[in-house]
N, C-alpha and C. Protein backbone atom coordinates (compact mmCIF):
# COMPACT_ATOMS: atom_id res chain seq x y z
N MET A 1 3.90 -32.34 21.41
CA MET A 1 3.26 -31.13 21.86
C MET A 1 1.76 -31.25 21.69
N ILE A 2 1.03 -30.78 22.66
CA ILE A 2 -0.43 -30.76 22.58
C ILE A 2 -0.86 -29.33 22.22
N LEU A 3 -1.55 -29.21 21.12
CA LEU A 3 -2.03 -27.91 20.67
C LEU A 3 -3.36 -27.61 21.35
N THR A 4 -3.56 -26.35 21.75
CA THR A 4 -4.81 -25.93 22.40
C THR A 4 -5.41 -24.75 21.66
N SER A 5 -6.70 -24.55 21.84
CA SER A 5 -7.37 -23.38 21.27
C SER A 5 -6.76 -22.10 21.80
N GLU A 6 -6.41 -22.11 23.08
CA GLU A 6 -5.82 -20.91 23.70
C GLU A 6 -4.49 -20.55 23.04
N LYS A 7 -3.67 -21.56 22.72
CA LYS A 7 -2.39 -21.31 22.08
C LYS A 7 -2.60 -20.74 20.67
N ILE A 8 -3.57 -21.27 19.95
CA ILE A 8 -3.87 -20.77 18.61
C ILE A 8 -4.32 -19.31 18.68
N LEU A 9 -5.20 -19.00 19.61
CA LEU A 9 -5.68 -17.63 19.76
C LEU A 9 -4.54 -16.69 20.17
N GLU A 10 -3.65 -17.17 21.01
CA GLU A 10 -2.49 -16.36 21.43
C GLU A 10 -1.60 -16.06 20.23
N ILE A 11 -1.33 -17.06 19.40
CA ILE A 11 -0.51 -16.86 18.21
C ILE A 11 -1.17 -15.85 17.29
N HIS A 12 -2.46 -16.01 17.06
CA HIS A 12 -3.18 -15.10 16.17
C HIS A 12 -3.12 -13.66 16.71
N HIS A 13 -3.35 -13.51 18.00
CA HIS A 13 -3.32 -12.17 18.60
C HIS A 13 -1.93 -11.53 18.44
N LEU A 14 -0.87 -12.31 18.64
CA LEU A 14 0.49 -11.79 18.47
C LEU A 14 0.76 -11.39 17.02
N ILE A 15 0.28 -12.19 16.08
CA ILE A 15 0.44 -11.86 14.66
C ILE A 15 -0.21 -10.52 14.35
N ILE A 16 -1.44 -10.34 14.79
CA ILE A 16 -2.17 -9.10 14.53
C ILE A 16 -1.52 -7.92 15.25
N SER A 17 -1.10 -8.13 16.49
CA SER A 17 -0.45 -7.06 17.26
C SER A 17 0.85 -6.61 16.61
N ASN A 18 1.62 -7.57 16.11
CA ASN A 18 2.93 -7.25 15.54
C ASN A 18 2.90 -6.78 14.09
N PHE A 19 1.93 -7.26 13.31
CA PHE A 19 1.95 -6.97 11.88
C PHE A 19 0.71 -6.26 11.37
N GLY A 20 -0.27 -6.03 12.24
CA GLY A 20 -1.46 -5.29 11.85
C GLY A 20 -2.57 -6.19 11.35
N GLY A 21 -3.74 -5.61 11.28
CA GLY A 21 -4.93 -6.32 10.84
C GLY A 21 -6.00 -6.26 11.90
N THR A 22 -7.11 -6.91 11.62
CA THR A 22 -8.24 -6.92 12.53
C THR A 22 -8.20 -8.19 13.37
N ASP A 23 -8.17 -8.01 14.68
CA ASP A 23 -8.16 -9.15 15.59
C ASP A 23 -9.58 -9.65 15.77
N GLY A 24 -9.75 -10.94 15.86
CA GLY A 24 -11.07 -11.50 16.13
C GLY A 24 -11.27 -12.85 15.47
N VAL A 25 -12.19 -13.59 16.03
CA VAL A 25 -12.50 -14.94 15.58
C VAL A 25 -13.83 -14.94 14.83
N LEU A 26 -13.83 -15.54 13.66
CA LEU A 26 -15.07 -15.73 12.90
C LEU A 26 -15.78 -17.01 13.31
N CYS A 27 -14.98 -18.06 13.58
CA CYS A 27 -15.59 -19.36 13.89
C CYS A 27 -14.74 -20.15 14.88
N GLN A 28 -15.14 -20.12 16.13
CA GLN A 28 -14.44 -20.86 17.17
C GLN A 28 -14.51 -22.37 16.90
N GLY A 29 -15.60 -22.81 16.29
CA GLY A 29 -15.76 -24.23 15.97
C GLY A 29 -14.65 -24.74 15.06
N THR A 30 -14.21 -23.91 14.12
CA THR A 30 -13.12 -24.30 13.22
C THR A 30 -11.82 -24.45 14.01
N ILE A 31 -11.60 -23.58 14.96
CA ILE A 31 -10.39 -23.65 15.79
C ILE A 31 -10.43 -24.91 16.65
N ASP A 32 -11.58 -25.19 17.24
CA ASP A 32 -11.73 -26.40 18.05
C ASP A 32 -11.53 -27.66 17.20
N TYR A 33 -12.07 -27.65 15.99
CA TYR A 33 -11.89 -28.77 15.06
C TYR A 33 -10.41 -28.95 14.73
N LEU A 34 -9.73 -27.86 14.47
CA LEU A 34 -8.29 -27.90 14.19
C LEU A 34 -7.53 -28.56 15.33
N VAL A 35 -7.81 -28.15 16.55
CA VAL A 35 -7.14 -28.72 17.72
C VAL A 35 -7.36 -30.23 17.78
N ASP A 36 -8.60 -30.66 17.60
CA ASP A 36 -8.91 -32.09 17.64
C ASP A 36 -8.17 -32.85 16.54
N GLN A 37 -8.17 -32.31 15.34
CA GLN A 37 -7.53 -32.99 14.21
C GLN A 37 -6.02 -33.08 14.39
N VAL A 38 -5.40 -32.00 14.80
CA VAL A 38 -3.94 -31.99 14.98
C VAL A 38 -3.53 -32.94 16.10
N ASN A 39 -4.21 -32.88 17.22
CA ASN A 39 -3.83 -33.70 18.37
C ASN A 39 -4.12 -35.19 18.16
N ALA A 40 -4.93 -35.53 17.18
CA ALA A 40 -5.23 -36.93 16.88
C ALA A 40 -4.16 -37.58 16.00
N GLN A 41 -3.26 -36.79 15.46
CA GLN A 41 -2.23 -37.29 14.55
C GLN A 41 -0.95 -37.64 15.28
N GLN A 42 -0.25 -38.66 14.78
CA GLN A 42 1.05 -39.05 15.32
C GLN A 42 2.19 -38.45 14.49
N ASP A 43 1.96 -38.26 13.21
CA ASP A 43 2.98 -37.77 12.29
C ASP A 43 3.12 -36.25 12.41
N LEU A 44 4.31 -35.79 12.74
CA LEU A 44 4.57 -34.36 12.95
C LEU A 44 4.25 -33.52 11.72
N PHE A 45 4.66 -34.00 10.55
CA PHE A 45 4.43 -33.22 9.33
C PHE A 45 2.94 -33.18 8.97
N ARG A 46 2.24 -34.23 9.28
CA ARG A 46 0.79 -34.23 9.05
C ARG A 46 0.12 -33.26 10.03
N GLN A 47 0.56 -33.22 11.28
CA GLN A 47 0.02 -32.26 12.25
C GLN A 47 0.19 -30.84 11.72
N ALA A 48 1.41 -30.51 11.30
CA ALA A 48 1.69 -29.16 10.80
C ALA A 48 0.89 -28.87 9.53
N ALA A 49 0.77 -29.87 8.65
CA ALA A 49 0.02 -29.69 7.41
C ALA A 49 -1.46 -29.44 7.67
N ILE A 50 -2.02 -30.18 8.61
CA ILE A 50 -3.43 -29.99 8.95
C ILE A 50 -3.66 -28.60 9.51
N ALA A 51 -2.78 -28.16 10.41
CA ALA A 51 -2.91 -26.83 10.99
C ALA A 51 -2.81 -25.76 9.91
N LEU A 52 -1.82 -25.88 9.07
CA LEU A 52 -1.62 -24.91 7.99
C LEU A 52 -2.81 -24.88 7.05
N HIS A 53 -3.28 -26.05 6.68
CA HIS A 53 -4.38 -26.15 5.73
C HIS A 53 -5.70 -25.64 6.31
N ILE A 54 -6.04 -26.06 7.51
CA ILE A 54 -7.34 -25.66 8.07
C ILE A 54 -7.42 -24.16 8.27
N VAL A 55 -6.39 -23.54 8.82
CA VAL A 55 -6.46 -22.10 9.08
C VAL A 55 -6.42 -21.30 7.78
N ALA A 56 -5.54 -21.67 6.85
CA ALA A 56 -5.44 -20.93 5.59
C ALA A 56 -6.64 -21.17 4.67
N ASP A 57 -7.23 -22.35 4.75
CA ASP A 57 -8.33 -22.74 3.87
C ASP A 57 -9.70 -22.35 4.42
N ARG A 58 -9.89 -22.47 5.71
CA ARG A 58 -11.23 -22.26 6.30
C ARG A 58 -11.41 -20.90 6.96
N HIS A 59 -10.35 -20.13 7.08
CA HIS A 59 -10.40 -18.75 7.56
C HIS A 59 -11.19 -18.55 8.85
N PRO A 60 -10.72 -19.10 9.98
CA PRO A 60 -11.47 -18.93 11.23
C PRO A 60 -11.34 -17.54 11.85
N PHE A 61 -10.40 -16.73 11.35
CA PHE A 61 -10.17 -15.40 11.92
C PHE A 61 -10.66 -14.30 10.98
N LEU A 62 -10.90 -13.12 11.54
CA LEU A 62 -11.31 -11.97 10.73
C LEU A 62 -10.22 -11.56 9.75
N ASP A 63 -8.98 -11.71 10.17
CA ASP A 63 -7.84 -11.27 9.37
C ASP A 63 -6.62 -12.09 9.79
N GLY A 64 -5.61 -12.13 8.95
CA GLY A 64 -4.35 -12.77 9.31
C GLY A 64 -4.38 -14.28 9.30
N ASN A 65 -5.27 -14.87 8.53
CA ASN A 65 -5.38 -16.34 8.52
C ASN A 65 -4.13 -17.03 7.98
N LYS A 66 -3.60 -16.55 6.87
CA LYS A 66 -2.42 -17.20 6.29
C LYS A 66 -1.20 -17.01 7.20
N ARG A 67 -1.04 -15.82 7.75
CA ARG A 67 0.09 -15.57 8.66
C ARG A 67 -0.03 -16.45 9.90
N SER A 68 -1.23 -16.53 10.45
CA SER A 68 -1.45 -17.37 11.64
C SER A 68 -1.25 -18.84 11.32
N ALA A 69 -1.74 -19.27 10.17
CA ALA A 69 -1.58 -20.67 9.75
C ALA A 69 -0.10 -21.05 9.71
N PHE A 70 0.69 -20.19 9.10
CA PHE A 70 2.12 -20.47 8.98
C PHE A 70 2.79 -20.53 10.35
N GLN A 71 2.46 -19.61 11.22
CA GLN A 71 3.07 -19.58 12.55
C GLN A 71 2.69 -20.80 13.39
N ILE A 72 1.45 -21.24 13.27
CA ILE A 72 1.01 -22.43 14.01
C ILE A 72 1.76 -23.66 13.50
N ALA A 73 1.85 -23.80 12.18
CA ALA A 73 2.59 -24.93 11.60
C ALA A 73 4.06 -24.88 12.01
N GLU A 74 4.62 -23.69 11.99
CA GLU A 74 6.02 -23.53 12.38
C GLU A 74 6.25 -23.90 13.85
N LEU A 75 5.30 -23.55 14.71
CA LEU A 75 5.38 -23.91 16.12
C LEU A 75 5.36 -25.43 16.30
N ILE A 76 4.47 -26.09 15.58
CA ILE A 76 4.38 -27.55 15.66
C ILE A 76 5.70 -28.19 15.25
N LEU A 77 6.26 -27.74 14.13
CA LEU A 77 7.51 -28.30 13.64
C LEU A 77 8.68 -28.00 14.58
N SER A 78 8.73 -26.78 15.08
CA SER A 78 9.84 -26.40 15.96
C SER A 78 9.81 -27.14 17.29
N SER A 79 8.63 -27.62 17.69
CA SER A 79 8.53 -28.37 18.94
C SER A 79 9.35 -29.66 18.89
N GLU A 80 9.67 -30.13 17.68
CA GLU A 80 10.49 -31.33 17.49
C GLU A 80 11.83 -30.99 16.83
N GLY A 81 12.19 -29.69 16.83
CA GLY A 81 13.49 -29.29 16.33
C GLY A 81 13.60 -29.05 14.84
N TYR A 82 12.48 -28.94 14.14
CA TYR A 82 12.49 -28.68 12.69
C TYR A 82 12.24 -27.20 12.42
N PHE A 83 12.79 -26.72 11.30
CA PHE A 83 12.50 -25.38 10.85
C PHE A 83 12.29 -25.39 9.34
N ILE A 84 11.47 -24.48 8.88
CA ILE A 84 11.13 -24.40 7.46
C ILE A 84 12.25 -23.67 6.73
N THR A 85 12.71 -24.27 5.64
CA THR A 85 13.85 -23.74 4.89
C THR A 85 13.44 -23.05 3.59
N ALA A 86 12.20 -23.11 3.22
CA ALA A 86 11.74 -22.53 1.95
C ALA A 86 11.94 -21.02 1.95
N ARG A 87 12.17 -20.48 0.77
CA ARG A 87 12.27 -19.02 0.61
C ARG A 87 10.90 -18.38 0.82
N GLU A 88 10.91 -17.12 1.17
CA GLU A 88 9.67 -16.40 1.44
C GLU A 88 8.70 -16.47 0.26
N GLU A 89 9.21 -16.37 -0.95
CA GLU A 89 8.36 -16.42 -2.14
C GLU A 89 7.66 -17.77 -2.26
N GLU A 90 8.37 -18.84 -1.94
CA GLU A 90 7.79 -20.18 -1.99
C GLU A 90 6.71 -20.36 -0.91
N ILE A 91 6.97 -19.80 0.25
CA ILE A 91 6.00 -19.88 1.35
C ILE A 91 4.73 -19.14 0.97
N ILE A 92 4.88 -17.94 0.44
CA ILE A 92 3.71 -17.15 0.02
C ILE A 92 2.94 -17.89 -1.06
N GLU A 93 3.65 -18.48 -2.00
CA GLU A 93 3.00 -19.23 -3.08
C GLU A 93 2.15 -20.37 -2.55
N VAL A 94 2.70 -21.16 -1.61
CA VAL A 94 1.94 -22.29 -1.08
C VAL A 94 0.76 -21.81 -0.23
N LEU A 95 0.96 -20.73 0.53
CA LEU A 95 -0.15 -20.19 1.33
C LEU A 95 -1.29 -19.70 0.45
N LEU A 96 -0.96 -19.02 -0.64
CA LEU A 96 -1.99 -18.54 -1.56
C LEU A 96 -2.70 -19.71 -2.25
N LYS A 97 -1.95 -20.74 -2.56
CA LYS A 97 -2.54 -21.93 -3.19
C LYS A 97 -3.53 -22.60 -2.24
N ILE A 98 -3.15 -22.71 -0.96
CA ILE A 98 -4.06 -23.31 0.03
C ILE A 98 -5.30 -22.44 0.20
N ALA A 99 -5.09 -21.14 0.36
CA ALA A 99 -6.20 -20.21 0.61
C ALA A 99 -7.17 -20.12 -0.56
N SER A 100 -6.71 -20.47 -1.76
CA SER A 100 -7.59 -20.44 -2.92
C SER A 100 -8.10 -21.83 -3.28
N TYR A 101 -8.02 -22.75 -2.31
CA TYR A 101 -8.59 -24.10 -2.42
C TYR A 101 -7.98 -24.93 -3.55
N GLN A 102 -6.68 -24.75 -3.79
CA GLN A 102 -6.00 -25.46 -4.86
C GLN A 102 -4.98 -26.47 -4.34
N CYS A 103 -5.04 -26.77 -3.04
CA CYS A 103 -4.03 -27.64 -2.45
C CYS A 103 -4.66 -28.45 -1.32
N HIS A 104 -4.39 -29.74 -1.30
CA HIS A 104 -4.93 -30.64 -0.27
C HIS A 104 -3.91 -30.87 0.84
N VAL A 105 -4.36 -31.39 1.95
CA VAL A 105 -3.51 -31.61 3.12
C VAL A 105 -2.31 -32.49 2.79
N ASP A 106 -2.51 -33.54 2.01
CA ASP A 106 -1.39 -34.42 1.67
C ASP A 106 -0.30 -33.70 0.88
N GLU A 107 -0.72 -32.77 0.02
CA GLU A 107 0.26 -31.96 -0.73
C GLU A 107 1.02 -31.03 0.21
N VAL A 108 0.31 -30.47 1.17
CA VAL A 108 0.94 -29.58 2.15
C VAL A 108 1.94 -30.37 2.99
N ARG A 109 1.56 -31.58 3.41
CA ARG A 109 2.46 -32.41 4.18
C ARG A 109 3.74 -32.69 3.41
N LYS A 110 3.59 -33.06 2.15
CA LYS A 110 4.76 -33.34 1.31
C LYS A 110 5.63 -32.09 1.16
N TRP A 111 5.01 -30.94 0.95
CA TRP A 111 5.75 -29.70 0.81
C TRP A 111 6.54 -29.40 2.09
N LEU A 112 5.89 -29.55 3.23
CA LEU A 112 6.58 -29.31 4.51
C LEU A 112 7.75 -30.27 4.70
N ALA A 113 7.53 -31.54 4.43
CA ALA A 113 8.60 -32.53 4.59
C ALA A 113 9.80 -32.22 3.69
N ASN A 114 9.52 -31.69 2.50
CA ASN A 114 10.60 -31.37 1.55
C ASN A 114 11.24 -30.02 1.82
N ASN A 115 10.64 -29.21 2.68
CA ASN A 115 11.14 -27.86 2.91
C ASN A 115 11.44 -27.57 4.37
N THR A 116 11.88 -28.61 5.08
CA THR A 116 12.27 -28.43 6.48
C THR A 116 13.59 -29.15 6.73
N GLU A 117 14.26 -28.70 7.78
CA GLU A 117 15.46 -29.37 8.26
C GLU A 117 15.39 -29.44 9.76
N ARG A 118 16.08 -30.40 10.30
CA ARG A 118 16.13 -30.56 11.75
C ARG A 118 17.38 -29.84 12.27
N GLN A 119 17.21 -29.11 13.35
CA GLN A 119 18.33 -28.36 13.93
C GLN A 119 19.23 -29.27 14.71
């Protein structure tokens, strides 16, 4: 799957529309960087980890960064038939860890690989 800025913005808009918050972009450059980084990777889990990490860590949106990060990563994984099996509490814990700059991309990749199954 090729990730685009438009797809990321669409996901973010849907998250805000469905769950509330302030819609808007703080830094389009971060979104463009994310697209370049994800599309340059061959490893699916690394793609998802980069997406999750960049959005949750660098906060390109006014609101809903962690929710959007998770949905983008989930989209990347589901494109190859994977789904995240972690409990909601575990997901929230890892998202908060990333957002507070306590987790690196390689750790996120490992967490995703250990918490997904193929359908």
